[in-house]
Amino acid sequence: MNWQQAVLYLVLGILIGAIAGFFIARYVFRKEMEKNPPVTEKMIRAMFLQMGRKPSEAQIRAIMKTMGQDTTKKSDKK
């Protein structure tokens, strides 16, 4: 084995490891986000109540929509 082959194998190994690591990390991150979403309707209700306001369902839905987390739809990407 000459030095050129060694460098080629090293570069290929790093490239394959980086690609595999990316997909594994993406899978784990999506799984965690499904299990523990960053903000839920319940949290928004609690924030409104702490501010002394009684939120309507329309306000809750509007906030969830502006945050890009419509709870009626599940993520199509899996």
Foldseek 3Di string as FASTA:
>chain_A
DDPVVVVVVVVVVVVVVVVVVVVVVVVVVVVVCVVPPPDDLVNVQVVCVVVVHHDDPVVSQVVCVVVVHRPVDDDPPD
